[in-house]
Amino acid sequence: MEESVQMMQEMPQQSADKGVKVKRAPARRKSSKKAERVVLVRSKRKAAVARASAKAGHGAIRINGAELRSVENVVYRDMMQEPINLSSITKEVAGRLDITVSVQGGGSSGQAQAVRSAIAKAISKFSETDTIRKEYMRYDRSLLVDDYRRVEPKKARGPKARARSQTSYR
């Protein structure tokens, strides 16, 4: 008798009219925050792939978790800042964004060029106006259009993709 009472207590409650288990969803809180707009872009250069996300903020630019200012090589740092410093319009839009870039693969030059392109794409996409896009295209098309060229794979009977050893006939 005690076993039957214990089993009754362990069984889930059932609806009286249909004999179906009743599950209640947890109460959800309504968020008072307005949904933030986030722009995600991707850029490739050689073997490097850069993924950038831009959202409204205070102008912070982070590359693989570090500030853009902390990039030691001045040439690469200037290359990455090029889409921001292009004009007063791009400076203004970039000053209102927080851009986070994650870059992997390739060498340091390819990564810098991929980051440069990803930042330009993020600024252009977030602004939603055609003026910045036209300005980038007029200045340098490679800021918005990825370079489709890739390294040709090595073939058999040679040291590289096309090179062959010399043949001697005597």
C-alpha atoms as a PDB file:
ATOM      1  CA  MET A   1       0.000   0.000   0.000  1.00  0.00           C
ATOM      2  CA  GLU A   2       2.839   2.382   0.818  1.00  0.00           C
ATOM      3  CA  GLU A   3       4.422   1.550  -2.547  1.00  0.00           C
ATOM      4  CA  SER A   4       1.296   2.560  -4.465  1.00  0.00           C
ATOM      5  CA  VAL A   5       1.068   5.876  -2.602  1.00  0.00           C
ATOM      6  CA  GLN A   6       4.744   6.551  -3.282  1.00  0.00           C
ATOM      7  CA  MET A   7       4.299   5.760  -7.014  1.00  0.00           C
ATOM      8  CA  MET A   8       1.321   8.120  -7.198  1.00  0.00           C
ATOM      9  CA  GLN A   9       3.408  10.918  -5.725  1.00  0.00           C
ATOM     10  CA  GLU A  10       6.261  10.355  -8.198  1.00  0.00           C
ATOM     11  CA  MET A  11       4.055  10.277 -11.319  1.00  0.00           C
ATOM     12  CA  PRO A  12       3.692  13.579 -13.205  1.00  0.00           C
ATOM     13  CA  GLN A  13       0.398  15.362 -12.977  1.00  0.00           C
ATOM     14  CA  GLN A  14      -2.030  14.587 -15.754  1.00  0.00           C
ATOM     15  CA  SER A  15      -4.837  16.645 -17.130  1.00  0.00           C
ATOM     16  CA  ALA A  16      -8.221  15.370 -15.989  1.00  0.00           C
ATOM     17  CA  ASP A  17      -9.958  15.683 -19.344  1.00  0.00           C
ATOM     18  CA  LYS A  18      -7.405  14.203 -21.820  1.00  0.00           C
ATOM     19  CA  GLY A  19      -4.979  12.181 -19.772  1.00  0.00           C
ATOM     20  CA  VAL A  20      -2.035  14.158 -21.227  1.00  0.00           C
ATOM     21  CA  LYS A  21       1.023  15.318 -19.334  1.00  0.00           C
ATOM     22  CA  VAL A  22       0.978  18.976 -18.545  1.00  0.00           C
ATOM     23  CA  LYS A  23       4.255  20.820 -18.905  1.00  0.00           C
ATOM     24  CA  ARG A  24       4.590  24.425 -18.093  1.00  0.00           C
ATOM     25  CA  ALA A  25       7.192  26.541 -19.766  1.00  0.00           C
ATOM     26  CA  PRO A  26       9.283  28.748 -17.504  1.00  0.00           C
ATOM     27  CA  ALA A  27       8.134  32.333 -17.402  1.00  0.00           C
ATOM     28  CA  ARG A  28      10.175  34.541 -19.721  1.00  0.00           C
ATOM     29  CA  ARG A  29      11.169  38.021 -18.818  1.00  0.00           C
ATOM     30  CA  LYS A  30      10.637  40.644 -21.422  1.00  0.00           C
ATOM     31  CA  SER A  31      13.852  42.411 -22.202  1.00  0.00           C
ATOM     32  CA  SER A  32      13.679  46.133 -21.747  1.00  0.00           C
ATOM     33  CA  LYS A  33      16.788  46.486 -23.904  1.00  0.00           C
ATOM     34  CA  LYS A  34      16.370  47.433 -27.516  1.00  0.00           C
ATOM     35  CA  ALA A  35      17.842  44.772 -29.798  1.00  0.00           C
ATOM     36  CA  GLU A  36      21.360  45.727 -30.856  1.00  0.00           C
ATOM     37  CA  ARG A  37      22.174  45.684 -34.525  1.00  0.00           C
ATOM     38  CA  VAL A  38      25.240  43.585 -35.289  1.00  0.00           C
ATOM     39  CA  VAL A  39      26.856  43.338 -38.710  1.00  0.00           C
ATOM     40  CA  LEU A  40      28.897  40.230 -39.553  1.00  0.00           C
ATOM     41  CA  VAL A  41      31.293  40.175 -42.514  1.00  0.00           C
ATOM     42  CA  ARG A  42      34.040  37.894 -43.819  1.00  0.00           C
ATOM     43  CA  SER A  43      37.064  38.623 -45.956  1.00  0.00           C
ATOM     44  CA  LYS A  44      39.757  36.453 -47.499  1.00  0.00           C
ATOM     45  CA  ARG A  45      43.220  37.189 -48.813  1.00  0.00           C
ATOM     46  CA  LYS A  46      45.514  34.351 -49.888  1.00  0.00           C
ATOM     47  CA  ALA A  47      45.208  31.790 -47.069  1.00  0.00           C
ATOM     48  CA  ALA A  48      44.067  34.310 -44.438  1.00  0.00           C
ATOM     49  CA  VAL A  49      40.405  34.536 -43.413  1.00  0.00           C
ATOM     50  CA  ALA A  50      39.159  37.481 -41.343  1.00  0.00           C
ATOM     51  CA  ARG A  51      35.724  37.574 -39.713  1.00  0.00           C
ATOM     52  CA  ALA A  52      34.517  40.897 -38.352  1.00  0.00           C
ATOM     53  CA  SER A  53      31.521  41.920 -36.288  1.00  0.00           C
ATOM     54  CA  ALA A  54      30.501  45.542 -35.891  1.00  0.00           C
ATOM     55  CA  LYS A  55      28.028  47.008 -33.427  1.00  0.00           C
ATOM     56  CA  ALA A  56      27.275  50.451 -32.064  1.00  0.00           C
ATOM     57  CA  GLY A  57      29.929  51.564 -29.615  1.00  0.00           C
ATOM     58  CA  HIS A  58      32.794  53.978 -28.973  1.00  0.00           C
ATOM     59  CA  GLY A  59      35.223  53.327 -31.833  1.00  0.00           C
ATOM     60  CA  ALA A  60      37.184  50.402 -30.372  1.00  0.00           C
ATOM     61  CA  ILE A  61      38.827  48.071 -32.880  1.00  0.00           C
ATOM     62  CA  ARG A  62      40.113  44.716 -31.637  1.00  0.00           C
ATOM     63  CA  ILE A  63      42.021  42.138 -33.666  1.00  0.00           C
ATOM     64  CA  ASN A  64      42.199  38.654 -32.138  1.00  0.00           C
ATOM     65  CA  GLY A  65      41.410  40.170 -28.738  1.00  0.00           C
ATOM     66  CA  ALA A  66      44.088  42.903 -28.854  1.00  0.00           C
ATOM     67  CA  GLU A  67      43.671  46.601 -29.619  1.00  0.00           C
ATOM     68  CA  LEU A  68      44.597  47.740 -33.117  1.00  0.00           C
ATOM     69  CA  ARG A  69      47.080  50.194 -31.573  1.00  0.00           C
ATOM     70  CA  SER A  70      49.057  47.279 -30.136  1.00  0.00           C
ATOM     71  CA  VAL A  71      50.048  45.911 -33.567  1.00  0.00           C
ATOM     72  CA  GLU A  72      53.831  46.297 -33.577  1.00  0.00           C
ATOM     73  CA  ASN A  73      54.527  46.468 -37.305  1.00  0.00           C
ATOM     74  CA  VAL A  74      53.770  50.053 -38.348  1.00  0.00           C
ATOM     75  CA  VAL A  75      53.221  49.145 -42.006  1.00  0.00           C
ATOM     76  CA  TYR A  76      50.591  46.527 -41.149  1.00  0.00           C
ATOM     77  CA  ARG A  77      48.931  48.808 -38.575  1.00  0.00           C
ATOM     78  CA  ASP A  78      48.636  51.625 -41.123  1.00  0.00           C
ATOM     79  CA  MET A  79      47.313  49.146 -43.680  1.00  0.00           C
ATOM     80  CA  MET A  80      44.591  47.998 -41.264  1.00  0.00           C
ATOM     81  CA  GLN A  81      43.656  51.619 -40.399  1.00  0.00           C
ATOM     82  CA  GLU A  82      43.434  52.641 -44.057  1.00  0.00           C
ATOM     83  CA  PRO A  83      39.652  52.091 -44.429  1.00  0.00           C
ATOM     84  CA  ILE A  84      39.036  54.180 -41.300  1.00  0.00           C
ATOM     85  CA  ASN A  85      41.333  57.094 -42.181  1.00  0.00           C
ATOM     86  CA  LEU A  86      40.169  57.356 -45.795  1.00  0.00           C
ATOM     87  CA  SER A  87      37.838  60.334 -45.285  1.00  0.00           C
ATOM     88  CA  SER A  88      35.968  62.283 -42.641  1.00  0.00           C
ATOM     89  CA  ILE A  89      32.784  60.283 -43.338  1.00  0.00           C
ATOM     90  CA  THR A  90      34.488  56.944 -42.695  1.00  0.00           C
ATOM     91  CA  LYS A  91      36.154  58.327 -39.553  1.00  0.00           C
ATOM     92  CA  GLU A  92      32.775  59.465 -38.262  1.00  0.00           C
ATOM     93  CA  VAL A  93      31.065  56.116 -38.928  1.00  0.00           C
ATOM     94  CA  ALA A  94      33.997  54.118 -37.508  1.00  0.00           C
ATOM     95  CA  GLY A  95      33.991  56.330 -34.409  1.00  0.00           C
ATOM     96  CA  ARG A  96      30.471  55.140 -33.619  1.00  0.00           C
ATOM     97  CA  LEU A  97      31.308  51.415 -34.027  1.00  0.00           C
ATOM     98  CA  ASP A  98      33.007  48.725 -32.013  1.00  0.00           C
ATOM     99  CA  ILE A  99      34.646  46.357 -34.499  1.00  0.00           C
ATOM    100  CA  THR A 100      35.953  42.955 -33.437  1.00  0.00           C
ATOM    101  CA  VAL A 101      38.032  41.019 -35.976  1.00  0.00           C
ATOM    102  CA  SER A 102      39.147  37.408 -35.767  1.00  0.00           C
ATOM    103  CA  VAL A 103      41.783  36.429 -38.322  1.00  0.00           C
ATOM    104  CA  GLN A 104      43.340  33.022 -38.965  1.00  0.00           C
ATOM    105  CA  GLY A 105      45.634  31.374 -41.479  1.00  0.00           C
ATOM    106  CA  GLY A 106      48.198  32.693 -43.904  1.00  0.00           C
ATOM    107  CA  GLY A 107      51.094  34.996 -43.166  1.00  0.00           C
ATOM    108  CA  SER A 108      51.206  38.358 -41.488  1.00  0.00           C
ATOM    109  CA  SER A 109      50.829  40.357 -44.725  1.00  0.00           C
ATOM    110  CA  GLY A 110      47.841  38.314 -45.915  1.00  0.00           C
ATOM    111  CA  GLN A 111      46.235  38.632 -42.489  1.00  0.00           C
ATOM    112  CA  ALA A 112      46.718  42.407 -42.472  1.00  0.00           C
ATOM    113  CA  GLN A 113      45.116  42.696 -45.918  1.00  0.00           C
ATOM    114  CA  ALA A 114      42.210  40.448 -44.875  1.00  0.00           C
ATOM    115  CA  VAL A 115      41.631  42.553 -41.730  1.00  0.00           C
ATOM    116  CA  ARG A 116      41.767  45.748 -43.829  1.00  0.00           C
ATOM    117  CA  SER A 117      39.102  44.405 -46.147  1.00  0.00           C
ATOM    118  CA  ALA A 118      36.918  43.098 -43.289  1.00  0.00           C
ATOM    119  CA  ILE A 119      36.968  46.481 -41.519  1.00  0.00           C
ATOM    120  CA  ALA A 120      36.006  48.276 -44.744  1.00  0.00           C
ATOM    121  CA  LYS A 121      33.162  45.837 -45.395  1.00  0.00           C
ATOM    122  CA  ALA A 122      31.871  46.223 -41.823  1.00  0.00           C
ATOM    123  CA  ILE A 123      31.885  50.028 -42.014  1.00  0.00           C
ATOM    124  CA  SER A 124      30.220  49.995 -45.419  1.00  0.00           C
ATOM    125  CA  LYS A 125      27.537  47.491 -44.415  1.00  0.00           C
ATOM    126  CA  PHE A 126      26.760  49.149 -41.073  1.00  0.00           C
ATOM    127  CA  SER A 127      26.342  52.621 -42.587  1.00  0.00           C
ATOM    128  CA  GLU A 128      23.608  51.389 -44.967  1.00  0.00           C
ATOM    129  CA  THR A 129      24.405  54.224 -47.371  1.00  0.00           C
ATOM    130  CA  ASP A 130      25.890  53.899 -50.817  1.00  0.00           C
ATOM    131  CA  THR A 131      28.259  56.861 -50.424  1.00  0.00           C
ATOM    132  CA  ILE A 132      30.835  55.012 -48.338  1.00  0.00           C
ATOM    133  CA  ARG A 133      30.708  52.003 -50.618  1.00  0.00           C
ATOM    134  CA  LYS A 134      31.264  54.197 -53.680  1.00  0.00           C
ATOM    135  CA  GLU A 135      34.094  56.005 -51.935  1.00  0.00           C
ATOM    136  CA  TYR A 136      35.847  52.723 -51.132  1.00  0.00           C
ATOM    137  CA  MET A 137      35.352  51.455 -54.692  1.00  0.00           C
ATOM    138  CA  ARG A 138      36.753  54.682 -56.131  1.00  0.00           C
ATOM    139  CA  TYR A 139      39.787  54.554 -53.815  1.00  0.00           C
ATOM    140  CA  ASP A 140      40.628  50.832 -53.966  1.00  0.00           C
ATOM    141  CA  ARG A 141      38.321  48.077 -55.173  1.00  0.00           C
ATOM    142  CA  SER A 142      40.168  45.434 -53.127  1.00  0.00           C
ATOM    143  CA  LEU A 143      38.734  46.962 -49.924  1.00  0.00           C
ATOM    144  CA  LEU A 144      35.291  45.557 -50.702  1.00  0.00           C
ATOM    145  CA  VAL A 145      35.947  42.801 -53.257  1.00  0.00           C
ATOM    146  CA  ASP A 146      37.935  39.750 -52.168  1.00  0.00           C
ATOM    147  CA  ASP A 147      40.831  38.546 -54.273  1.00  0.00           C
ATOM    148  CA  TYR A 148      39.698  35.195 -55.663  1.00  0.00           C
ATOM    149  CA  ARG A 149      43.219  33.997 -56.557  1.00  0.00           C
ATOM    150  CA  ARG A 150      44.555  31.052 -54.579  1.00  0.00           C
ATOM    151  CA  VAL A 151      47.824  29.134 -54.629  1.00  0.00           C
ATOM    152  CA  GLU A 152      47.912  26.438 -57.283  1.00  0.00           C
ATOM    153  CA  PRO A 153      48.517  22.993 -55.797  1.00  0.00           C
ATOM    154  CA  LYS A 154      51.798  21.214 -56.406  1.00  0.00           C
ATOM    155  CA  LYS A 155      51.818  18.526 -59.093  1.00  0.00           C
ATOM    156  CA  ALA A 156      53.719  15.256 -59.245  1.00  0.00           C
ATOM    157  CA  ARG A 157      57.133  15.080 -60.967  1.00  0.00           C
ATOM    158  CA  GLY A 158      58.122  18.597 -60.026  1.00  0.00           C
ATOM    159  CA  PRO A 159      59.239  20.768 -57.128  1.00  0.00           C
ATOM    160  CA  LYS A 160      56.357  23.261 -57.532  1.00  0.00           C
ATOM    161  CA  ALA A 161      53.015  23.616 -59.322  1.00  0.00           C
ATOM    162  CA  ARG A 162      54.439  24.296 -62.792  1.00  0.00           C
ATOM    163  CA  ALA A 163      58.194  23.805 -62.499  1.00  0.00           C
ATOM    164  CA  ARG A 164      59.730  20.673 -64.004  1.00  0.00           C
ATOM    165  CA  SER A 165      63.272  19.351 -63.894  1.00  0.00           C
ATOM    166  CA  GLN A 166      65.371  20.029 -66.978  1.00  0.00           C
ATOM    167  CA  THR A 167      65.727  17.281 -69.529  1.00  0.00           C
ATOM    168  CA  SER A 168      69.030  16.424 -71.104  1.00  0.00           C
ATOM    169  CA  TYR A 169      69.249  14.753 -74.501  1.00  0.00           C
ATOM    170  CA  ARG A 170      72.986  13.961 -74.502  1.00  0.00           C
END
